[in-house]
Amino acid sequence: MTIVFLLLLTMPPTTGQTCVSYWPDQVVLKGKIRRHTFAGPPNYESVAKGDRAERVWLLHLAQPICVSANAEWEKEADVSDIQLVIEKYDKALVGRQVVATGTLYRAHTGHHHTKVLLTVSSIRKSSAAEISGTLNAAP
């Protein structure tokens, strides 16, 4: 009885979240594109007080995910917003449900405004069937 209780105490809690991996693994995520303005240099505190505005695209996920730890980056749970690193922006996607494919990495500069970022290799508007689905990540 004591052994079972100790095992239960050492088991990680189940969150029901889909867990994905950092780079080099490629992920497919679903969510809604939002534009957001953050304070940039020199102080990264307030655009109103003179910091440069940094406008970024965020992918607001349909459901939060977790990102598994690897040799370089620690695990992140309850990730619901991911900053997109993308070469060409299609303004028609803002406010739309999309499917974004790419690789994840952890924030490591002042220009990274979410804990996890996605380097986008492709992005497209979601189909009606994909919008009604429940999973964020596809294999």
C-alpha atoms as a PDB file:
ATOM      1  CA  MET A   1       0.000   0.000   0.000  1.00  0.00           C
ATOM      2  CA  THR A   2       2.804   2.408   0.907  1.00  0.00           C
ATOM      3  CA  ILE A   3       4.649   1.639  -2.337  1.00  0.00           C
ATOM      4  CA  VAL A   4       1.585   2.471  -4.460  1.00  0.00           C
ATOM      5  CA  PHE A   5       1.070   5.727  -2.581  1.00  0.00           C
ATOM      6  CA  LEU A   6       4.724   6.726  -3.103  1.00  0.00           C
ATOM      7  CA  LEU A   7       4.469   5.933  -6.800  1.00  0.00           C
ATOM      8  CA  LEU A   8       1.396   8.139  -7.098  1.00  0.00           C
ATOM      9  CA  LEU A   9       3.234  11.003  -5.394  1.00  0.00           C
ATOM     10  CA  THR A  10       6.155  10.785  -7.810  1.00  0.00           C
ATOM     11  CA  MET A  11       4.083  10.567 -10.980  1.00  0.00           C
ATOM     12  CA  PRO A  12       3.754  13.795 -12.976  1.00  0.00           C
ATOM     13  CA  PRO A  13       0.256  15.269 -13.090  1.00  0.00           C
ATOM     14  CA  THR A  14      -1.723  14.613 -16.233  1.00  0.00           C
ATOM     15  CA  THR A  15      -2.837  17.795 -17.866  1.00  0.00           C
ATOM     16  CA  GLY A  16      -4.543  16.320 -20.901  1.00  0.00           C
ATOM     17  CA  GLN A  17      -2.466  18.623 -23.089  1.00  0.00           C
ATOM     18  CA  THR A  18      -0.915  17.565 -26.349  1.00  0.00           C
ATOM     19  CA  CYS A  19       2.870  17.627 -25.921  1.00  0.00           C
ATOM     20  CA  VAL A  20       5.085  18.515 -28.867  1.00  0.00           C
ATOM     21  CA  SER A  21       8.858  18.849 -29.248  1.00  0.00           C
ATOM     22  CA  TYR A  22      11.284  21.680 -29.874  1.00  0.00           C
ATOM     23  CA  TRP A  23      13.474  21.956 -32.966  1.00  0.00           C
ATOM     24  CA  PRO A  24      14.495  19.897 -34.940  1.00  0.00           C
ATOM     25  CA  ASP A  25      11.083  18.189 -34.861  1.00  0.00           C
ATOM     26  CA  GLN A  26       8.480  19.773 -37.083  1.00  0.00           C
ATOM     27  CA  VAL A  27       5.054  20.512 -35.589  1.00  0.00           C
ATOM     28  CA  VAL A  28       1.658  21.377 -37.013  1.00  0.00           C
ATOM     29  CA  LEU A  29      -0.408  23.748 -34.852  1.00  0.00           C
ATOM     30  CA  LYS A  30      -3.927  25.160 -35.161  1.00  0.00           C
ATOM     31  CA  GLY A  31      -5.084  28.496 -33.867  1.00  0.00           C
ATOM     32  CA  LYS A  32      -6.100  32.054 -34.599  1.00  0.00           C
ATOM     33  CA  ILE A  33      -3.685  34.721 -35.858  1.00  0.00           C
ATOM     34  CA  ARG A  34      -3.499  37.894 -33.795  1.00  0.00           C
ATOM     35  CA  ARG A  35      -1.282  40.942 -34.236  1.00  0.00           C
ATOM     36  CA  HIS A  36       0.130  42.378 -31.044  1.00  0.00           C
ATOM     37  CA  THR A  37       2.357  45.339 -30.246  1.00  0.00           C
ATOM     38  CA  PHE A  38       5.010  44.962 -27.551  1.00  0.00           C
ATOM     39  CA  ALA A  39       7.473  47.500 -26.168  1.00  0.00           C
ATOM     40  CA  GLY A  40      10.921  47.139 -27.726  1.00  0.00           C
ATOM     41  CA  PRO A  41      14.248  48.947 -27.313  1.00  0.00           C
ATOM     42  CA  PRO A  42      15.667  50.666 -25.495  1.00  0.00           C
ATOM     43  CA  ASN A  43      13.918  49.573 -22.269  1.00  0.00           C
ATOM     44  CA  TYR A  44      11.313  46.976 -23.396  1.00  0.00           C
ATOM     45  CA  GLU A  45       8.823  48.529 -20.953  1.00  0.00           C
ATOM     46  CA  SER A  46       6.440  51.049 -22.538  1.00  0.00           C
ATOM     47  CA  VAL A  47       5.763  52.335 -26.035  1.00  0.00           C
ATOM     48  CA  ALA A  48       4.002  55.326 -24.439  1.00  0.00           C
ATOM     49  CA  LYS A  49       7.259  56.198 -22.618  1.00  0.00           C
ATOM     50  CA  GLY A  50       9.374  56.082 -25.760  1.00  0.00           C
ATOM     51  CA  ASP A  51      10.251  52.446 -26.387  1.00  0.00           C
ATOM     52  CA  ARG A  52      10.043  51.391 -30.013  1.00  0.00           C
ATOM     53  CA  ALA A  53       6.896  49.446 -30.902  1.00  0.00           C
ATOM     54  CA  GLU A  54       7.513  45.852 -31.956  1.00  0.00           C
ATOM     55  CA  ARG A  55       4.577  44.430 -33.880  1.00  0.00           C
ATOM     56  CA  VAL A  56       4.446  40.652 -33.978  1.00  0.00           C
ATOM     57  CA  TRP A  57       2.072  37.942 -35.063  1.00  0.00           C
ATOM     58  CA  LEU A  58       0.867  35.535 -32.405  1.00  0.00           C
ATOM     59  CA  LEU A  59      -0.777  32.181 -32.922  1.00  0.00           C
ATOM     60  CA  HIS A  60      -3.448  31.811 -30.236  1.00  0.00           C
ATOM     61  CA  LEU A  61      -3.881  28.052 -29.986  1.00  0.00           C
ATOM     62  CA  ALA A  62      -7.285  26.414 -29.993  1.00  0.00           C
ATOM     63  CA  GLN A  63      -6.173  24.493 -26.874  1.00  0.00           C
ATOM     64  CA  PRO A  64      -3.023  24.943 -24.749  1.00  0.00           C
ATOM     65  CA  ILE A  65      -0.138  22.581 -25.401  1.00  0.00           C
ATOM     66  CA  CYS A  66       3.027  21.550 -23.610  1.00  0.00           C
ATOM     67  CA  VAL A  67       6.476  21.462 -25.173  1.00  0.00           C
ATOM     68  CA  SER A  68       8.761  18.660 -23.997  1.00  0.00           C
ATOM     69  CA  ALA A  69      12.207  19.482 -22.634  1.00  0.00           C
ATOM     70  CA  ASN A  70      15.304  18.705 -24.671  1.00  0.00           C
ATOM     71  CA  ALA A  71      19.058  19.143 -24.145  1.00  0.00           C
ATOM     72  CA  GLU A  72      18.838  22.903 -24.800  1.00  0.00           C
ATOM     73  CA  TRP A  73      15.435  24.050 -23.543  1.00  0.00           C
ATOM     74  CA  GLU A  74      13.202  23.286 -20.580  1.00  0.00           C
ATOM     75  CA  LYS A  75       9.641  21.993 -20.694  1.00  0.00           C
ATOM     76  CA  GLU A  76       6.823  24.504 -21.048  1.00  0.00           C
ATOM     77  CA  ALA A  77       3.250  23.683 -20.061  1.00  0.00           C
ATOM     78  CA  ASP A  78       0.022  25.570 -20.729  1.00  0.00           C
ATOM     79  CA  VAL A  79       1.346  27.299 -23.854  1.00  0.00           C
ATOM     80  CA  SER A  80      -1.555  29.087 -25.510  1.00  0.00           C
ATOM     81  CA  ASP A  81       0.179  31.913 -27.426  1.00  0.00           C
ATOM     82  CA  ILE A  82       3.180  31.427 -29.714  1.00  0.00           C
ATOM     83  CA  GLN A  83       5.063  34.209 -31.474  1.00  0.00           C
ATOM     84  CA  LEU A  84       5.441  33.466 -35.171  1.00  0.00           C
ATOM     85  CA  VAL A  85       8.746  33.957 -36.960  1.00  0.00           C
ATOM     86  CA  ILE A  86       7.692  34.168 -40.567  1.00  0.00           C
ATOM     87  CA  GLU A  87       9.274  35.498 -43.762  1.00  0.00           C
ATOM     88  CA  LYS A  88       6.184  36.642 -45.624  1.00  0.00           C
ATOM     89  CA  TYR A  89       3.071  37.872 -43.850  1.00  0.00           C
ATOM     90  CA  ASP A  90      -0.329  37.431 -45.473  1.00  0.00           C
ATOM     91  CA  LYS A  91      -2.457  40.134 -43.834  1.00  0.00           C
ATOM     92  CA  ALA A  92      -5.600  38.279 -44.921  1.00  0.00           C
ATOM     93  CA  LEU A  93      -4.830  35.644 -42.256  1.00  0.00           C
ATOM     94  CA  VAL A  94      -5.089  38.069 -39.311  1.00  0.00           C
ATOM     95  CA  GLY A  95      -8.121  37.149 -37.215  1.00  0.00           C
ATOM     96  CA  ARG A  96      -8.497  33.835 -39.057  1.00  0.00           C
ATOM     97  CA  GLN A  97      -8.127  30.244 -37.953  1.00  0.00           C
ATOM     98  CA  VAL A  98      -4.964  28.787 -39.483  1.00  0.00           C
ATOM     99  CA  VAL A  99      -2.780  25.712 -39.613  1.00  0.00           C
ATOM    100  CA  ALA A 100       0.899  26.596 -39.125  1.00  0.00           C
ATOM    101  CA  THR A 101       3.786  24.177 -39.699  1.00  0.00           C
ATOM    102  CA  GLY A 102       7.317  24.727 -38.477  1.00  0.00           C
ATOM    103  CA  THR A 103       9.795  24.232 -35.643  1.00  0.00           C
ATOM    104  CA  LEU A 104       9.576  25.468 -32.069  1.00  0.00           C
ATOM    105  CA  TYR A 105      12.266  27.114 -29.979  1.00  0.00           C
ATOM    106  CA  ARG A 106      12.451  28.887 -26.656  1.00  0.00           C
ATOM    107  CA  ALA A 107      12.600  32.676 -26.251  1.00  0.00           C
ATOM    108  CA  HIS A 108      16.154  33.913 -25.708  1.00  0.00           C
ATOM    109  CA  THR A 109      16.230  37.628 -26.640  1.00  0.00           C
ATOM    110  CA  GLY A 110      14.281  40.748 -25.713  1.00  0.00           C
ATOM    111  CA  HIS A 111      12.581  40.584 -29.115  1.00  0.00           C
ATOM    112  CA  HIS A 112      10.962  37.261 -28.214  1.00  0.00           C
ATOM    113  CA  HIS A 113       7.664  38.063 -26.532  1.00  0.00           C
ATOM    114  CA  THR A 114       6.287  34.592 -25.786  1.00  0.00           C
ATOM    115  CA  LYS A 115       8.062  31.731 -24.011  1.00  0.00           C
ATOM    116  CA  VAL A 116       7.884  29.563 -27.143  1.00  0.00           C
ATOM    117  CA  LEU A 117       8.254  30.721 -30.769  1.00  0.00           C
ATOM    118  CA  LEU A 118       7.498  28.979 -34.060  1.00  0.00           C
ATOM    119  CA  THR A 119       9.713  29.366 -37.115  1.00  0.00           C
ATOM    120  CA  VAL A 120       7.033  28.990 -39.773  1.00  0.00           C
ATOM    121  CA  SER A 121       7.697  26.881 -42.863  1.00  0.00           C
ATOM    122  CA  SER A 122       4.075  27.043 -44.064  1.00  0.00           C
ATOM    123  CA  ILE A 123       0.824  28.620 -42.970  1.00  0.00           C
ATOM    124  CA  ARG A 124      -2.654  28.420 -44.427  1.00  0.00           C
ATOM    125  CA  LYS A 125      -6.270  29.148 -43.568  1.00  0.00           C
ATOM    126  CA  SER A 126      -7.967  26.263 -41.739  1.00  0.00           C
ATOM    127  CA  SER A 127     -10.715  24.266 -43.376  1.00  0.00           C
ATOM    128  CA  ALA A 128     -14.105  24.024 -41.645  1.00  0.00           C
ATOM    129  CA  ALA A 129     -13.330  20.420 -40.644  1.00  0.00           C
ATOM    130  CA  GLU A 130     -10.014  21.438 -39.062  1.00  0.00           C
ATOM    131  CA  ILE A 131     -11.640  24.275 -37.108  1.00  0.00           C
ATOM    132  CA  SER A 132     -14.138  21.893 -35.519  1.00  0.00           C
ATOM    133  CA  GLY A 133     -11.397  19.389 -34.567  1.00  0.00           C
ATOM    134  CA  THR A 134     -10.011  19.271 -31.044  1.00  0.00           C
ATOM    135  CA  LEU A 135      -6.288  18.594 -31.455  1.00  0.00           C
ATOM    136  CA  ASN A 136      -3.717  21.325 -31.977  1.00  0.00           C
ATOM    137  CA  ALA A 137      -0.897  19.211 -33.236  1.00  0.00           C
ATOM    138  CA  ALA A 138      -0.852  16.681 -36.017  1.00  0.00           C
ATOM    139  CA  PRO A 139       1.812  14.001 -36.456  1.00  0.00           C
END
